[in-house]
Amino acid sequence: MKRRDFIQKTAASSALLGLANIGLSSFTTLDTKKITILHTNDVHSHIDPFPADHPRNPNMGGAARRAALIESIKQEEEHVVLLDAGDIFQGTPYFNYYGGELEIKLMGMMHYDVATMGNHDFDNGIDGFYAQLPHAKFDFVSANYDFKNTVLNEIVNPYKIINKGGIKIGIFGLGIELEGLVDKKLYKETVYNNPIEVAQDMTRILKHDKKCDLVICLSHLGFSYKNEPNKISDLVLAKKTKDIDLIIGGHTHTFLDKPVIEKNAEGKEVLINQVGCYGLNLGRIDFYFSNDATLTSNGKSIVV
């Protein structure tokens, strides 16, 4: 084969291969870094899959299937972060018998990175939650619960920063007001602070002081409240703050097939996602960081 013909054919083959590899992040270059965020919420102690005769969710869910799905994604992707938005406890006899130990241990085996606290995580009292923390191989974050006069003081921190592939990821937690949802005797001296005000402080610290490339809020505020539009929810949080890139929600058991996009206080896009409840789905959001500081993403809910 003549040298000129060989070069032309090689160039054409390379072009075809390039087109074949175009994915959801179109025109990804070698300088693009990909971060995969996996997440759950409101698992509520559902360790086993639903029974085969269940009318709505036959043979669905279960910790073993979720673990296998997470592992398969980690085999495919280099930089994965696994998060949970609260209400890990309460919902099956496993919690009644083991008090949350099994749930926490299984999350450790799945290599969760960070979780926040939901209202049901106080169902065995703040002391009951504290008793399970030695089993946790991951961190809990909560920025608007002030634990100063409780056993969780300086144990549950407002935020955590993770570095994946040179990308700095700041993660903070926000919880719903406990008064009216949880008996005061269970959460004791825990003080609830306004999530909007706290989020503004957190984003200033994470985005500007700590120079995080990606800021994620683990929220147990609820996705939205149609009958109470002014009640603080994930949608309200997104609209009234800035510098949050992703809100991973919980509490309202909202099943979203893909993230909702909302505009923040500066008119910039915020992704909001929630994957229902009971470990039926696993959320996945891929972020692409290009060398020209462009951030793109795509996301979906995966049935477990």
Protein backbone atom coordinates (compact mmCIF):
# COMPACT_ATOMS: atom_id res chain seq x y z
CA MET A 1 0.00 0.00 0.00
CA LYS A 2 1.31 3.42 -0.88
CA ARG A 3 2.25 5.61 2.05
CA ARG A 4 -0.25 8.34 1.06
CA ASP A 5 -3.16 5.86 0.79
CA PHE A 6 -2.25 4.35 4.18
CA ILE A 7 -2.30 7.77 5.89
CA GLN A 8 -5.65 8.68 4.32
CA LYS A 9 -7.27 5.39 5.37
CA THR A 10 -5.86 5.63 8.90
CA ALA A 11 -7.18 9.18 9.28
CA ALA A 12 -10.64 8.12 8.08
CA SER A 13 -10.72 5.16 10.51
CA SER A 14 -9.71 7.42 13.40
CA ALA A 15 -12.50 9.84 12.54
CA LEU A 16 -15.08 7.04 12.54
CA LEU A 17 -13.83 5.75 15.88
CA GLY A 18 -14.10 9.24 17.30
CA LEU A 19 -17.71 9.56 16.16
CA ALA A 20 -18.57 6.15 17.58
CA ASN A 21 -17.34 7.20 21.00
CA ILE A 22 -19.41 10.37 21.27
CA GLY A 23 -21.63 9.94 24.31
CA LEU A 24 -23.98 12.10 26.34
CA SER A 25 -21.15 14.56 26.94
CA SER A 26 -20.76 15.33 23.24
CA PHE A 27 -17.30 16.22 22.00
CA THR A 28 -15.54 15.17 25.20
CA THR A 29 -11.82 15.81 24.80
CA LEU A 30 -8.81 14.19 26.40
CA ASP A 31 -8.69 17.19 28.74
CA THR A 32 -12.16 16.47 30.13
CA LYS A 33 -12.48 14.90 33.58
CA LYS A 34 -15.56 12.89 34.48
CA ILE A 35 -16.99 12.59 37.98
CA THR A 36 -19.84 10.13 38.59
CA ILE A 37 -22.17 10.87 41.50
CA LEU A 38 -24.29 7.93 42.72
CA HIS A 39 -26.94 8.53 45.36
CA THR A 40 -29.83 7.15 47.41
CA ASN A 41 -32.38 8.57 49.85
CA ASP A 42 -35.07 7.32 52.22
CA VAL A 43 -33.96 3.69 52.08
CA HIS A 44 -35.78 3.16 55.42
CA SER A 45 -34.08 -0.08 56.48
CA HIS A 46 -35.14 -1.98 53.36
CA ILE A 47 -32.40 -4.60 53.33
CA ASP A 48 -34.26 -7.31 51.40
CA PRO A 49 -35.88 -6.92 47.97
CA PHE A 50 -39.64 -6.66 47.88
CA PRO A 51 -41.36 -10.09 47.70
CA ALA A 52 -42.33 -11.59 44.36
CA ASP A 53 -46.04 -11.11 45.07
CA HIS A 54 -45.76 -7.44 46.03
CA PRO A 55 -48.44 -5.52 44.07
CA ARG A 56 -46.24 -2.53 43.16
CA ASN A 57 -42.58 -3.51 43.47
CA PRO A 58 -42.22 -7.29 42.95
CA ASN A 59 -38.62 -8.52 43.32
CA MET A 60 -37.34 -4.93 43.28
CA GLY A 61 -34.72 -3.25 45.46
CA GLY A 62 -32.59 -4.87 48.12
CA ALA A 63 -29.13 -4.09 49.46
CA ALA A 64 -27.42 -6.92 47.55
CA ARG A 65 -28.68 -5.72 44.17
CA ARG A 66 -27.79 -2.15 44.96
CA ALA A 67 -24.29 -3.21 46.00
CA ALA A 68 -23.83 -5.17 42.76
CA LEU A 69 -25.04 -2.21 40.67
CA ILE A 70 -22.74 0.20 42.47
CA GLU A 71 -19.79 -2.14 42.03
CA SER A 72 -20.47 -2.58 38.31
CA ILE A 73 -20.49 1.20 37.82
CA LYS A 74 -17.27 1.55 39.79
CA GLN A 75 -15.67 -1.03 37.51
CA GLU A 76 -16.57 1.15 34.51
CA GLU A 77 -15.86 4.61 35.93
CA GLU A 78 -12.65 5.89 37.50
CA HIS A 79 -13.99 8.66 39.75
CA VAL A 80 -17.17 7.73 41.66
CA VAL A 81 -18.73 9.38 44.73
CA LEU A 82 -21.54 7.58 46.61
CA LEU A 83 -23.93 9.67 48.73
CA ASP A 84 -27.15 9.34 50.76
CA ALA A 85 -29.70 12.05 51.64
CA GLY A 86 -31.07 10.64 54.88
CA ASP A 87 -33.76 8.47 56.47
CA ILE A 88 -31.50 5.46 56.51
CA PHE A 89 -33.41 4.10 59.54
CA GLN A 90 -36.97 2.95 60.26
CA GLY A 91 -39.30 0.92 58.08
CA THR A 92 -38.62 -2.80 58.57
CA PRO A 93 -38.02 -5.18 61.51
CA TYR A 94 -34.28 -4.97 60.80
CA PHE A 95 -34.25 -1.53 62.39
CA ASN A 96 -36.48 -2.60 65.28
CA TYR A 97 -34.12 -5.46 66.08
CA TYR A 98 -30.65 -4.10 65.27
CA GLY A 99 -31.23 -0.37 65.88
CA GLY A 100 -29.56 0.72 62.64
CA GLU A 101 -26.36 -1.29 62.97
CA LEU A 102 -27.07 -3.46 59.93
CA GLU A 103 -27.95 -0.52 57.70
CA ILE A 104 -24.78 1.38 58.62
CA LYS A 105 -22.55 -1.68 58.18
CA LEU A 106 -24.00 -2.44 54.75
CA MET A 107 -23.47 1.15 53.63
CA GLY A 108 -19.86 0.82 54.73
CA MET A 109 -19.49 -2.36 52.68
CA MET A 110 -20.85 -0.48 49.66
CA HIS A 111 -18.27 2.25 50.31
CA TYR A 112 -20.59 5.22 50.77
CA ASP A 113 -18.59 8.43 51.05
CA VAL A 114 -20.98 10.85 52.79
CA ALA A 115 -24.56 10.88 54.13
CA THR A 116 -26.82 13.38 55.85
CA MET A 117 -29.44 12.84 58.53
CA GLY A 118 -33.18 12.56 58.00
CA ASN A 119 -35.85 12.96 60.66
CA HIS A 120 -36.25 9.18 61.03
CA ASP A 121 -32.57 8.81 61.82
CA PHE A 122 -33.52 10.22 65.24
CA ASP A 123 -36.16 7.53 65.87
CA ASN A 124 -33.94 5.74 68.40
CA GLY A 125 -32.97 9.08 69.86
CA ILE A 126 -29.81 11.05 69.28
CA ASP A 127 -28.04 8.64 71.63
CA GLY A 128 -29.22 5.69 69.54
CA PHE A 129 -27.84 7.31 66.41
CA TYR A 130 -24.57 8.08 68.18
CA ALA A 131 -24.29 4.43 69.25
CA GLN A 132 -24.22 3.31 65.60
CA LEU A 133 -21.49 5.71 64.45
CA PRO A 134 -18.59 3.37 65.36
CA HIS A 135 -19.91 1.08 62.60
CA ALA A 136 -19.81 3.86 59.99
CA LYS A 137 -16.93 3.90 57.52
CA PHE A 138 -18.24 7.12 55.99
CA ASP A 139 -19.00 10.62 57.25
CA PHE A 140 -22.31 12.24 58.20
CA VAL A 141 -22.70 15.94 57.43
CA SER A 142 -25.32 18.39 58.66
CA ALA A 143 -24.86 22.14 58.50
CA ASN A 144 -28.14 23.48 59.87
CA TYR A 145 -28.49 21.17 62.87
CA ASP A 146 -26.50 22.66 65.72
CA PHE A 147 -25.35 19.75 67.89
CA LYS A 148 -23.28 21.89 70.28
CA ASN A 149 -24.98 20.63 73.46
CA THR A 150 -25.39 17.03 72.35
CA VAL A 151 -23.29 13.87 72.01
CA LEU A 152 -22.87 14.64 68.29
CA ASN A 153 -20.96 17.87 68.91
CA GLU A 154 -17.85 17.93 66.67
CA ILE A 155 -18.70 14.44 65.39
CA VAL A 156 -21.24 15.34 62.70
CA ASN A 157 -19.57 18.16 60.75
CA PRO A 158 -21.23 20.74 58.47
CA TYR A 159 -19.41 19.63 55.33
CA LYS A 160 -16.79 17.35 53.84
CA ILE A 161 -14.43 17.92 50.92
CA ILE A 162 -13.48 15.01 48.63
CA ASN A 163 -10.83 15.09 45.90
CA LYS A 164 -11.44 12.87 42.89
CA GLY A 165 -9.05 12.99 39.97
CA GLY A 166 -7.96 16.50 40.86
CA ILE A 167 -11.57 17.73 41.12
CA LYS A 168 -12.41 19.22 44.51
CA ILE A 169 -15.94 18.31 45.64
CA GLY A 170 -17.56 20.07 48.61
CA ILE A 171 -20.55 18.30 50.19
CA PHE A 172 -22.76 19.78 52.92
CA GLY A 173 -25.98 18.60 54.56
CA LEU A 174 -29.31 20.26 55.34
CA GLY A 175 -32.07 18.75 57.47
CA ILE A 176 -35.77 19.44 57.87
CA GLU A 177 -37.17 21.10 60.99
CA LEU A 178 -37.56 18.38 63.61
CA GLU A 179 -40.19 20.08 65.76
CA GLY A 180 -43.54 18.52 64.98
CA LEU A 181 -41.94 15.54 63.22
CA VAL A 182 -39.80 14.09 66.01
CA ASP A 183 -40.40 13.97 69.75
CA LYS A 184 -38.24 16.56 71.48
CA LYS A 185 -36.99 13.87 73.87
CA LEU A 186 -35.36 12.12 70.90
CA TYR A 187 -33.37 14.97 69.41
CA LYS A 188 -32.82 16.71 72.78
CA GLU A 189 -30.83 19.98 72.51
CA THR A 190 -30.36 19.83 68.73
CA VAL A 191 -31.06 23.31 67.33
CA TYR A 192 -32.57 23.78 63.85
CA ASN A 193 -31.20 26.72 61.86
CA ASN A 194 -32.66 28.26 58.69
CA PRO A 195 -31.46 26.17 55.72
CA ILE A 196 -31.35 29.11 53.29
CA GLU A 197 -29.11 31.18 55.53
CA VAL A 198 -26.89 28.21 56.35
CA ALA A 199 -26.61 27.23 52.67
CA GLN A 200 -25.39 30.72 51.82
CA ASP A 201 -22.65 30.36 54.42
CA MET A 202 -21.73 26.87 53.22
CA THR A 203 -21.46 27.87 49.55
CA ARG A 204 -19.32 30.87 50.44
CA ILE A 205 -16.96 28.61 52.36
CA LEU A 206 -16.88 25.76 49.86
CA LYS A 207 -16.91 27.62 46.56
CA HIS A 208 -14.93 30.73 47.45
CA ASP A 209 -12.81 30.00 50.53
CA LYS A 210 -12.06 26.33 49.84
CA LYS A 211 -12.14 26.72 46.02
CA CYS A 212 -14.28 23.63 45.39
CA ASP A 213 -14.95 22.81 41.74
CA LEU A 214 -18.29 21.15 42.55
CA VAL A 215 -20.64 21.96 45.45
CA ILE A 216 -23.28 19.37 46.42
CA CYS A 217 -26.04 19.77 48.99
CA LEU A 218 -27.39 16.60 50.61
CA SER A 219 -30.86 17.77 51.52
CA HIS A 220 -33.56 16.19 53.63
CA LEU A 221 -35.87 19.18 53.17
CA GLY A 222 -38.25 17.62 50.62
CA PHE A 223 -38.50 18.25 46.89
CA SER A 224 -41.49 20.63 46.92
CA TYR A 225 -44.75 21.37 48.74
CA LYS A 226 -47.56 22.36 46.36
CA ASN A 227 -49.92 23.38 49.15
CA GLU A 228 -47.17 25.30 50.96
CA PRO A 229 -45.15 27.01 48.20
CA ASN A 230 -43.18 29.13 50.67
CA LYS A 231 -42.09 26.19 52.81
CA ILE A 232 -38.38 25.57 52.39
CA SER A 233 -37.86 22.74 49.93
CA ASP A 234 -35.20 21.78 47.40
CA LEU A 235 -36.87 23.93 44.73
CA VAL A 236 -37.00 26.94 47.07
CA LEU A 237 -33.42 26.32 48.20
CA ALA A 238 -32.19 26.28 44.61
CA LYS A 239 -33.98 29.52 43.72
CA LYS A 240 -32.86 31.49 46.77
CA THR A 241 -29.17 30.56 46.90
CA LYS A 242 -26.14 30.54 44.62
CA ASP A 243 -23.08 28.37 43.97
CA ILE A 244 -24.83 25.03 44.57
CA ASP A 245 -24.28 22.78 41.56
CA LEU A 246 -26.35 19.79 42.69
CA ILE A 247 -29.03 19.22 45.32
CA ILE A 248 -29.58 15.56 46.18
CA GLY A 249 -32.89 15.41 48.01
CA GLY A 250 -34.92 13.23 50.30
CA HIS A 251 -37.90 13.20 52.69
CA THR A 252 -40.80 13.52 50.21
CA HIS A 253 -40.11 10.17 48.49
CA THR A 254 -40.21 11.90 45.10
CA PHE A 255 -39.43 9.61 42.16
CA LEU A 256 -37.61 11.56 39.44
CA ASP A 257 -36.52 9.84 36.23
CA LYS A 258 -33.83 12.46 35.75
CA PRO A 259 -32.68 15.62 37.54
CA VAL A 260 -34.83 18.73 37.49
CA ILE A 261 -33.08 21.94 36.44
CA GLU A 262 -33.85 25.13 38.39
CA LYS A 263 -32.37 28.63 38.13
CA ASN A 264 -30.59 29.98 41.20
CA ALA A 265 -30.49 33.54 42.57
CA GLU A 266 -27.96 34.48 39.86
CA GLY A 267 -29.87 32.83 37.04
CA LYS A 268 -27.48 29.88 36.84
CA GLU A 269 -28.65 26.27 36.58
CA VAL A 270 -28.91 23.98 39.60
CA LEU A 271 -29.56 20.24 39.27
CA ILE A 272 -32.03 18.71 41.74
CA ASN A 273 -32.51 14.97 42.00
CA GLN A 274 -34.32 12.48 44.24
CA VAL A 275 -34.86 8.77 43.67
CA GLY A 276 -38.00 7.97 45.63
CA CYS A 277 -37.56 5.59 48.54
CA TYR A 278 -36.86 2.08 49.87
CA GLY A 279 -33.74 1.54 47.75
CA LEU A 280 -35.81 0.92 44.63
CA ASN A 281 -33.66 3.23 42.52
CA LEU A 282 -30.10 4.48 42.38
CA GLY A 283 -29.45 8.00 41.17
CA ARG A 284 -26.58 8.66 38.77
CA ILE A 285 -25.27 12.03 37.62
CA ASP A 286 -22.13 12.40 35.50
CA PHE A 287 -20.28 15.71 35.57
CA TYR A 288 -17.74 16.63 32.90
CA PHE A 289 -15.08 19.23 33.65
CA SER A 290 -13.30 20.58 30.59
CA ASN A 291 -9.99 22.40 30.50
CA ASP A 292 -11.75 25.66 29.54
CA ALA A 293 -13.69 25.61 32.88
CA THR A 294 -16.91 24.43 31.21
CA LEU A 295 -19.10 22.16 33.36
CA THR A 296 -21.66 19.86 31.72
CA SER A 297 -23.71 17.01 33.14
CA ASN A 298 -26.32 14.34 32.54
CA GLY A 299 -28.27 12.19 34.97
CA LYS A 300 -30.83 9.45 35.37
CA SER A 301 -32.51 7.16 37.86
CA ILE A 302 -31.55 3.48 37.63
CA VAL A 303 -33.94 0.74 38.78
CA VAL A 304 -32.25 -1.56 41.28
